[in-house]
Amino acid sequence: QVQLVESGGGLVQAGGSLRLSCAASGRSIFNIDVAWYRQAPGKQRDLVAESDDVGSTSYAESVKGRFTIFRLVADNTMYLQMNSLKPEDSGLYYCNMGTTWGQGIQVTVSS
């Protein structure tokens, strides 16, 4: 059974940084599409960043140049490095691998 467990969220001031982690079990994160999504209160879950099975990455326009998605195969963990955070980056962040989702982790950016 594949499971994803997120960590690293919290409260940060605008302009600060956070790194989200998503530890996978039950399957290797190598050679598979992985992604991070964000859901603000009352809104739909939107794609923030993705990395395909060969490592190519893409980002939502709103986070380009500030967020970086990467994975460490040795740790079987994917990450989302978030810099220059803005209040509008606040929300529940979910990692995704295939049909499996993490439980969601809260990120709150204060102005």
C-alpha atoms as a PDB file:
ATOM      1  CA  GLN A   1       0.000   0.000   0.000  1.00  0.00           C
ATOM      2  CA  VAL A   2       1.423   3.352  -1.060  1.00  0.00           C
ATOM      3  CA  GLN A   3       1.362   6.110   1.549  1.00  0.00           C
ATOM      4  CA  LEU A   4       2.527   9.713   1.538  1.00  0.00           C
ATOM      5  CA  VAL A   5       3.207  11.648   4.746  1.00  0.00           C
ATOM      6  CA  GLU A   6       3.787  15.402   4.632  1.00  0.00           C
ATOM      7  CA  SER A   7       5.702  17.569   7.077  1.00  0.00           C
ATOM      8  CA  GLY A   8       7.287  21.002   7.301  1.00  0.00           C
ATOM      9  CA  GLY A   9       4.288  23.296   7.207  1.00  0.00           C
ATOM     10  CA  GLY A  10       3.553  26.067   9.668  1.00  0.00           C
ATOM     11  CA  LEU A  11       3.296  29.810  10.147  1.00  0.00           C
ATOM     12  CA  VAL A  12       5.795  32.141   8.501  1.00  0.00           C
ATOM     13  CA  GLN A  13       5.989  35.861   7.823  1.00  0.00           C
ATOM     14  CA  ALA A  14       5.727  37.216   4.321  1.00  0.00           C
ATOM     15  CA  GLY A  15       9.101  37.026   2.600  1.00  0.00           C
ATOM     16  CA  GLY A  16      10.117  33.966   4.565  1.00  0.00           C
ATOM     17  CA  SER A  17      10.768  30.398   3.473  1.00  0.00           C
ATOM     18  CA  LEU A  18       9.479  26.925   4.216  1.00  0.00           C
ATOM     19  CA  ARG A  19      10.380  23.497   2.936  1.00  0.00           C
ATOM     20  CA  LEU A  20       7.644  20.900   2.713  1.00  0.00           C
ATOM     21  CA  SER A  21       8.548  17.214   2.748  1.00  0.00           C
ATOM     22  CA  CYS A  22       6.527  14.249   1.557  1.00  0.00           C
ATOM     23  CA  ALA A  23       7.870  10.855   2.585  1.00  0.00           C
ATOM     24  CA  ALA A  24       6.661   7.960   0.476  1.00  0.00           C
ATOM     25  CA  SER A  25       6.326   4.315   1.456  1.00  0.00           C
ATOM     26  CA  GLY A  26       5.166   1.280  -0.464  1.00  0.00           C
ATOM     27  CA  ARG A  27       6.638   2.441  -3.757  1.00  0.00           C
ATOM     28  CA  SER A  28       9.779   4.201  -4.948  1.00  0.00           C
ATOM     29  CA  ILE A  29       9.442   7.849  -6.004  1.00  0.00           C
ATOM     30  CA  PHE A  30      11.883   7.179  -8.832  1.00  0.00           C
ATOM     31  CA  ASN A  31      10.551   7.294 -12.372  1.00  0.00           C
ATOM     32  CA  ILE A  32       7.021   8.463 -11.556  1.00  0.00           C
ATOM     33  CA  ASP A  33       5.188  11.757 -11.786  1.00  0.00           C
ATOM     34  CA  VAL A  34       4.979  13.639  -8.485  1.00  0.00           C
ATOM     35  CA  ALA A  35       3.277  16.908  -7.680  1.00  0.00           C
ATOM     36  CA  TRP A  36       2.257  19.429  -5.038  1.00  0.00           C
ATOM     37  CA  TYR A  37      -1.186  20.989  -4.889  1.00  0.00           C
ATOM     38  CA  ARG A  38      -2.618  23.804  -2.798  1.00  0.00           C
ATOM     39  CA  GLN A  39      -6.138  24.405  -1.574  1.00  0.00           C
ATOM     40  CA  ALA A  40      -7.175  27.721  -0.046  1.00  0.00           C
ATOM     41  CA  PRO A  41     -10.337  27.907   2.098  1.00  0.00           C
ATOM     42  CA  GLY A  42     -13.443  27.749  -0.065  1.00  0.00           C
ATOM     43  CA  LYS A  43     -11.455  27.173  -3.249  1.00  0.00           C
ATOM     44  CA  GLN A  44     -10.558  24.214  -5.406  1.00  0.00           C
ATOM     45  CA  ARG A  45      -7.329  22.286  -5.154  1.00  0.00           C
ATOM     46  CA  ASP A  46      -4.849  23.729  -7.640  1.00  0.00           C
ATOM     47  CA  LEU A  47      -1.603  22.383  -9.025  1.00  0.00           C
ATOM     48  CA  VAL A  48       1.429  24.252  -7.691  1.00  0.00           C
ATOM     49  CA  ALA A  49       4.364  22.254  -9.034  1.00  0.00           C
ATOM     50  CA  GLU A  50       5.028  18.950 -10.718  1.00  0.00           C
ATOM     51  CA  SER A  51       7.966  16.791 -11.688  1.00  0.00           C
ATOM     52  CA  ASP A  52       7.458  14.124 -14.309  1.00  0.00           C
ATOM     53  CA  ASP A  53       8.970  10.656 -14.485  1.00  0.00           C
ATOM     54  CA  VAL A  54      12.163  11.930 -16.133  1.00  0.00           C
ATOM     55  CA  GLY A  55      12.563  14.901 -13.798  1.00  0.00           C
ATOM     56  CA  SER A  56      11.184  17.733 -15.918  1.00  0.00           C
ATOM     57  CA  THR A  57       9.425  20.297 -13.767  1.00  0.00           C
ATOM     58  CA  SER A  58       6.645  22.814 -14.246  1.00  0.00           C
ATOM     59  CA  TYR A  59       5.079  25.421 -11.981  1.00  0.00           C
ATOM     60  CA  ALA A  60       1.976  27.511 -11.602  1.00  0.00           C
ATOM     61  CA  GLU A  61       2.611  31.040 -12.835  1.00  0.00           C
ATOM     62  CA  SER A  62       2.038  32.441  -9.370  1.00  0.00           C
ATOM     63  CA  VAL A  63       4.972  30.522  -7.861  1.00  0.00           C
ATOM     64  CA  LYS A  64       7.502  30.483 -10.700  1.00  0.00           C
ATOM     65  CA  GLY A  65      10.904  31.631  -9.554  1.00  0.00           C
ATOM     66  CA  ARG A  66       9.969  31.213  -5.885  1.00  0.00           C
ATOM     67  CA  PHE A  67       9.130  27.513  -5.460  1.00  0.00           C
ATOM     68  CA  THR A  68      11.204  24.471  -6.362  1.00  0.00           C
ATOM     69  CA  ILE A  69      10.021  20.875  -6.489  1.00  0.00           C
ATOM     70  CA  PHE A  70      12.632  18.161  -6.148  1.00  0.00           C
ATOM     71  CA  ARG A  71      13.016  14.612  -4.923  1.00  0.00           C
ATOM     72  CA  LEU A  72      15.701  12.595  -3.160  1.00  0.00           C
ATOM     73  CA  VAL A  73      15.385   9.002  -4.302  1.00  0.00           C
ATOM     74  CA  ALA A  74      17.721   7.750  -1.559  1.00  0.00           C
ATOM     75  CA  ASP A  75      15.287   9.133   1.045  1.00  0.00           C
ATOM     76  CA  ASN A  76      12.214   8.237  -1.020  1.00  0.00           C
ATOM     77  CA  THR A  77      11.005  11.752  -0.302  1.00  0.00           C
ATOM     78  CA  MET A  78       9.791  14.646  -2.444  1.00  0.00           C
ATOM     79  CA  TYR A  79      10.129  18.262  -1.404  1.00  0.00           C
ATOM     80  CA  LEU A  80       8.732  21.690  -2.121  1.00  0.00           C
ATOM     81  CA  GLN A  81      11.105  24.541  -1.318  1.00  0.00           C
ATOM     82  CA  MET A  82       9.100  27.746  -0.966  1.00  0.00           C
ATOM     83  CA  ASN A  83      10.901  31.098  -0.876  1.00  0.00           C
ATOM     84  CA  SER A  84       9.701  34.704  -0.815  1.00  0.00           C
ATOM     85  CA  LEU A  85       6.379  33.549   0.545  1.00  0.00           C
ATOM     86  CA  LYS A  86       3.298  35.722   0.176  1.00  0.00           C
ATOM     87  CA  PRO A  87       0.017  35.709   2.126  1.00  0.00           C
ATOM     88  CA  GLU A  88      -1.736  34.345  -0.951  1.00  0.00           C
ATOM     89  CA  ASP A  89       0.453  31.242  -0.730  1.00  0.00           C
ATOM     90  CA  SER A  90      -1.442  30.215   2.389  1.00  0.00           C
ATOM     91  CA  GLY A  91      -3.497  27.043   2.280  1.00  0.00           C
ATOM     92  CA  LEU A  92      -3.461  23.297   2.653  1.00  0.00           C
ATOM     93  CA  TYR A  93      -0.676  21.717   0.649  1.00  0.00           C
ATOM     94  CA  TYR A  94      -1.004  18.157  -0.647  1.00  0.00           C
ATOM     95  CA  CYS A  95       1.618  15.957  -2.244  1.00  0.00           C
ATOM     96  CA  ASN A  96       0.541  13.551  -4.951  1.00  0.00           C
ATOM     97  CA  MET A  97       2.044  10.496  -6.568  1.00  0.00           C
ATOM     98  CA  GLY A  98      -0.094   8.618  -9.067  1.00  0.00           C
ATOM     99  CA  THR A  99      -3.457   8.030  -7.391  1.00  0.00           C
ATOM    100  CA  THR A 100      -2.094   8.543  -3.872  1.00  0.00           C
ATOM    101  CA  TRP A 101      -2.434  11.757  -1.882  1.00  0.00           C
ATOM    102  CA  GLY A 102      -0.880  12.957   1.319  1.00  0.00           C
ATOM    103  CA  GLN A 103      -3.056  14.040   4.223  1.00  0.00           C
ATOM    104  CA  GLY A 104      -2.456  17.729   3.620  1.00  0.00           C
ATOM    105  CA  ILE A 105      -0.399  20.190   5.629  1.00  0.00           C
ATOM    106  CA  GLN A 106      -1.194  23.772   6.538  1.00  0.00           C
ATOM    107  CA  VAL A 107       0.928  26.688   5.412  1.00  0.00           C
ATOM    108  CA  THR A 108       0.030  30.122   6.722  1.00  0.00           C
ATOM    109  CA  VAL A 109       1.861  33.246   5.576  1.00  0.00           C
ATOM    110  CA  SER A 110       1.235  36.350   7.652  1.00  0.00           C
ATOM    111  CA  SER A 111       1.490  39.840   6.196  1.00  0.00           C
END
